Amino acid sequence: MVKKIDGEYFLSRTEAMEYITFAYDVKWCVTKWERNLIRINYETRLGRGSGKFTAFRCKNSSNVRLNKFDIDKHFSLVN
């Protein structure tokens, strides 16, 4: 479930992949751990690309989350 903390939305890795696929007309995307970051590889109609995003861990949760603002910022520059 998407979490809203201090006015910002945080998505789990699965939610981030679903959001990217539908919001930005991406054919496919996958996530991968790289040190303390999560790399998202994807393919759009313009070609393939990737981006690195900071992983956040919320209190009382073992799952990491991605900031929705960071995802939107990255894909606004790509498109």
N, C-alpha and C. Protein backbone atom coordinates (compact mmCIF):
# COMPACT_ATOMS: atom_id res chain seq x y z
N MET A 1 0.83 -1.16 0.00
CA MET A 1 0.00 0.00 0.00
C MET A 1 0.89 1.25 0.00
N VAL A 2 0.51 2.23 -0.77
CA VAL A 2 1.25 3.48 -0.85
C VAL A 2 1.17 4.18 0.50
N LYS A 3 2.30 4.70 0.98
CA LYS A 3 2.33 5.41 2.26
C LYS A 3 2.56 6.89 2.01
N LYS A 4 1.82 7.70 2.73
CA LYS A 4 2.00 9.15 2.66
C LYS A 4 2.61 9.59 3.98
N ILE A 5 3.81 10.15 3.92
CA ILE A 5 4.52 10.59 5.11
C ILE A 5 4.94 12.04 4.88
N ASP A 6 4.48 12.92 5.76
CA ASP A 6 4.79 14.35 5.66
C ASP A 6 4.49 14.91 4.28
N GLY A 7 3.37 14.51 3.69
CA GLY A 7 2.95 15.04 2.40
C GLY A 7 3.62 14.42 1.19
N GLU A 8 4.51 13.46 1.40
CA GLU A 8 5.18 12.79 0.29
C GLU A 8 4.72 11.34 0.21
N TYR A 9 4.63 10.84 -1.02
CA TYR A 9 4.20 9.46 -1.23
C TYR A 9 5.41 8.56 -1.42
N PHE A 10 5.35 7.39 -0.79
CA PHE A 10 6.41 6.39 -0.90
C PHE A 10 5.81 5.09 -1.40
N LEU A 11 6.42 4.52 -2.43
CA LEU A 11 5.93 3.31 -3.07
C LEU A 11 6.89 2.15 -2.82
N SER A 12 6.34 0.96 -2.63
CA SER A 12 7.20 -0.23 -2.55
C SER A 12 7.76 -0.49 -3.94
N ARG A 13 8.70 -1.40 -4.05
CA ARG A 13 9.30 -1.68 -5.36
C ARG A 13 8.25 -2.16 -6.35
N THR A 14 7.35 -3.04 -5.92
CA THR A 14 6.30 -3.55 -6.80
C THR A 14 5.36 -2.43 -7.22
N GLU A 15 4.95 -1.60 -6.27
CA GLU A 15 4.07 -0.48 -6.59
C GLU A 15 4.75 0.50 -7.53
N ALA A 16 6.04 0.73 -7.34
CA ALA A 16 6.79 1.63 -8.22
C ALA A 16 6.81 1.10 -9.65
N MET A 17 7.02 -0.20 -9.81
CA MET A 17 7.04 -0.79 -11.16
C MET A 17 5.67 -0.66 -11.82
N GLU A 18 4.60 -0.92 -11.09
CA GLU A 18 3.25 -0.78 -11.64
C GLU A 18 2.96 0.67 -12.00
N TYR A 19 3.35 1.60 -11.13
CA TYR A 19 3.12 3.03 -11.38
C TYR A 19 3.86 3.49 -12.63
N ILE A 20 5.13 3.12 -12.75
CA ILE A 20 5.93 3.51 -13.92
C ILE A 20 5.34 2.94 -15.20
N THR A 21 4.93 1.68 -15.17
CA THR A 21 4.38 1.02 -16.35
C THR A 21 3.14 1.73 -16.86
N PHE A 22 2.24 2.11 -15.96
CA PHE A 22 0.99 2.73 -16.39
C PHE A 22 1.10 4.24 -16.59
N ALA A 23 1.84 4.94 -15.75
CA ALA A 23 1.90 6.40 -15.81
C ALA A 23 2.78 6.91 -16.95
N TYR A 24 3.80 6.17 -17.32
CA TYR A 24 4.76 6.68 -18.29
C TYR A 24 4.86 5.83 -19.56
N ASP A 25 3.87 5.01 -19.83
CA ASP A 25 3.80 4.22 -21.07
C ASP A 25 5.09 3.44 -21.30
N VAL A 26 5.53 2.75 -20.25
CA VAL A 26 6.74 1.94 -20.31
C VAL A 26 6.35 0.51 -20.67
N LYS A 27 7.10 -0.09 -21.61
CA LYS A 27 6.80 -1.47 -22.03
C LYS A 27 7.09 -2.45 -20.91
N TRP A 28 8.24 -2.30 -20.26
CA TRP A 28 8.62 -3.17 -19.15
C TRP A 28 9.59 -2.42 -18.25
N CYS A 29 9.70 -2.88 -17.01
CA CYS A 29 10.71 -2.34 -16.10
C CYS A 29 11.03 -3.39 -15.05
N VAL A 30 12.26 -3.36 -14.58
CA VAL A 30 12.73 -4.27 -13.53
C VAL A 30 13.54 -3.46 -12.52
N THR A 31 13.58 -3.96 -11.29
CA THR A 31 14.36 -3.29 -10.25
C THR A 31 15.50 -4.18 -9.81
N LYS A 32 16.56 -3.54 -9.33
CA LYS A 32 17.75 -4.28 -8.90
C LYS A 32 18.44 -3.47 -7.81
N TRP A 33 18.92 -4.17 -6.77
CA TRP A 33 19.68 -3.52 -5.71
C TRP A 33 21.08 -3.17 -6.21
N GLU A 34 21.54 -1.97 -5.89
CA GLU A 34 22.93 -1.56 -6.12
C GLU A 34 23.36 -0.74 -4.91
N ARG A 35 24.06 -1.40 -4.01
CA ARG A 35 24.50 -0.81 -2.74
C ARG A 35 23.29 -0.30 -1.98
N ASN A 36 23.19 0.98 -1.69
CA ASN A 36 22.03 1.51 -0.96
C ASN A 36 20.98 2.11 -1.89
N LEU A 37 21.13 1.87 -3.17
CA LEU A 37 20.21 2.42 -4.16
C LEU A 37 19.45 1.31 -4.86
N ILE A 38 18.37 1.68 -5.51
CA ILE A 38 17.64 0.75 -6.36
C ILE A 38 17.72 1.26 -7.79
N ARG A 39 18.20 0.41 -8.68
CA ARG A 39 18.26 0.76 -10.09
C ARG A 39 17.01 0.23 -10.77
N ILE A 40 16.37 1.08 -11.57
CA ILE A 40 15.22 0.66 -12.35
C ILE A 40 15.61 0.73 -13.82
N ASN A 41 15.60 -0.42 -14.47
CA ASN A 41 15.83 -0.50 -15.91
C ASN A 41 14.46 -0.58 -16.58
N TYR A 42 14.31 0.10 -17.72
CA TYR A 42 13.01 0.15 -18.38
C TYR A 42 13.18 0.37 -19.88
N GLU A 43 12.08 0.18 -20.61
CA GLU A 43 12.07 0.47 -22.04
C GLU A 43 10.80 1.22 -22.38
N THR A 44 10.97 2.37 -23.03
CA THR A 44 9.84 3.17 -23.52
C THR A 44 9.82 3.10 -25.04
N ARG A 45 8.90 3.83 -25.64
CA ARG A 45 8.85 3.85 -27.11
C ARG A 45 10.09 4.54 -27.70
N LEU A 46 10.79 5.32 -26.88
CA LEU A 46 11.99 6.02 -27.34
C LEU A 46 13.26 5.19 -27.18
N GLY A 47 13.18 4.09 -26.44
CA GLY A 47 14.34 3.24 -26.23
C GLY A 47 14.49 2.85 -24.76
N ARG A 48 15.61 2.22 -24.47
CA ARG A 48 15.86 1.74 -23.11
C ARG A 48 16.54 2.80 -22.27
N GLY A 49 16.37 2.66 -20.96
CA GLY A 49 17.00 3.59 -20.04
C GLY A 49 17.05 2.99 -18.65
N SER A 50 17.67 3.73 -17.75
CA SER A 50 17.72 3.29 -16.36
C SER A 50 17.89 4.51 -15.46
N GLY A 51 17.56 4.32 -14.21
CA GLY A 51 17.72 5.38 -13.23
C GLY A 51 18.02 4.78 -11.87
N LYS A 52 18.77 5.52 -11.06
CA LYS A 52 19.07 5.08 -9.69
C LYS A 52 18.26 5.94 -8.73
N PHE A 53 17.67 5.27 -7.74
CA PHE A 53 16.81 5.94 -6.78
C PHE A 53 17.21 5.54 -5.37
N THR A 54 17.11 6.49 -4.45
CA THR A 54 17.41 6.22 -3.05
C THR A 54 16.32 5.35 -2.46
N ALA A 55 16.72 4.36 -1.69
CA ALA A 55 15.77 3.47 -1.02
C ALA A 55 15.53 3.99 0.40
N PHE A 56 14.27 4.07 0.80
CA PHE A 56 13.90 4.52 2.14
C PHE A 56 13.25 3.37 2.88
N ARG A 57 13.53 3.27 4.16
CA ARG A 57 12.89 2.25 5.00
C ARG A 57 12.03 2.99 6.02
N CYS A 58 10.75 2.65 6.05
CA CYS A 58 9.81 3.27 6.98
C CYS A 58 9.89 2.58 8.34
N LYS A 59 9.46 3.27 9.38
CA LYS A 59 9.43 2.68 10.72
C LYS A 59 8.56 1.44 10.74
N ASN A 60 8.96 0.48 11.54
CA ASN A 60 8.20 -0.76 11.74
C ASN A 60 7.93 -1.52 10.45
N SER A 61 8.81 -1.42 9.48
CA SER A 61 8.63 -2.14 8.22
C SER A 61 9.98 -2.64 7.73
N SER A 62 9.97 -3.83 7.17
CA SER A 62 11.22 -4.36 6.61
C SER A 62 11.34 -4.06 5.12
N ASN A 63 10.27 -3.54 4.52
CA ASN A 63 10.28 -3.22 3.09
C ASN A 63 10.88 -1.85 2.84
N VAL A 64 11.62 -1.73 1.76
CA VAL A 64 12.12 -0.43 1.36
C VAL A 64 11.12 0.21 0.41
N ARG A 65 11.17 1.51 0.32
CA ARG A 65 10.24 2.26 -0.52
C ARG A 65 10.98 3.30 -1.33
N LEU A 66 10.36 3.69 -2.44
CA LEU A 66 10.89 4.72 -3.32
C LEU A 66 10.01 5.95 -3.22
N ASN A 67 10.62 7.12 -3.27
CA ASN A 67 9.88 8.37 -3.22
C ASN A 67 9.24 8.62 -4.59
N LYS A 68 7.92 8.82 -4.61
CA LYS A 68 7.20 9.03 -5.86
C LYS A 68 7.69 10.29 -6.57
N PHE A 69 8.04 11.33 -5.81
CA PHE A 69 8.55 12.57 -6.40
C PHE A 69 9.83 12.31 -7.19
N ASP A 70 10.73 11.48 -6.66
CA ASP A 70 11.97 11.15 -7.36
C ASP A 70 11.69 10.42 -8.67
N ILE A 71 10.73 9.52 -8.66
CA ILE A 71 10.36 8.79 -9.88
C ILE A 71 9.79 9.75 -10.91
N ASP A 72 8.86 10.62 -10.49
CA ASP A 72 8.25 11.59 -11.41
C ASP A 72 9.30 12.54 -11.98
N LYS A 73 10.23 12.97 -11.14
CA LYS A 73 11.29 13.87 -11.59
C LYS A 73 12.15 13.21 -12.66
N HIS A 74 12.54 11.95 -12.43
CA HIS A 74 13.37 11.23 -13.40
C HIS A 74 12.65 11.08 -14.73
N PHE A 75 11.41 10.64 -14.70
CA PHE A 75 10.69 10.37 -15.95
C PHE A 75 10.24 11.64 -16.66
N SER A 76 10.12 12.77 -15.95
CA SER A 76 9.81 14.02 -16.63
C SER A 76 11.01 14.49 -17.45
N LEU A 77 12.21 14.16 -17.00
CA LEU A 77 13.42 14.52 -17.76
C LEU A 77 13.63 13.59 -18.95
N VAL A 78 13.19 12.35 -18.83
CA VAL A 78 13.39 11.35 -19.89
C VAL A 78 12.44 11.60 -21.05
N ASN A 79 11.18 11.90 -20.73
CA ASN A 79 10.17 12.08 -21.79
C ASN A 79 10.24 13.43 -22.34
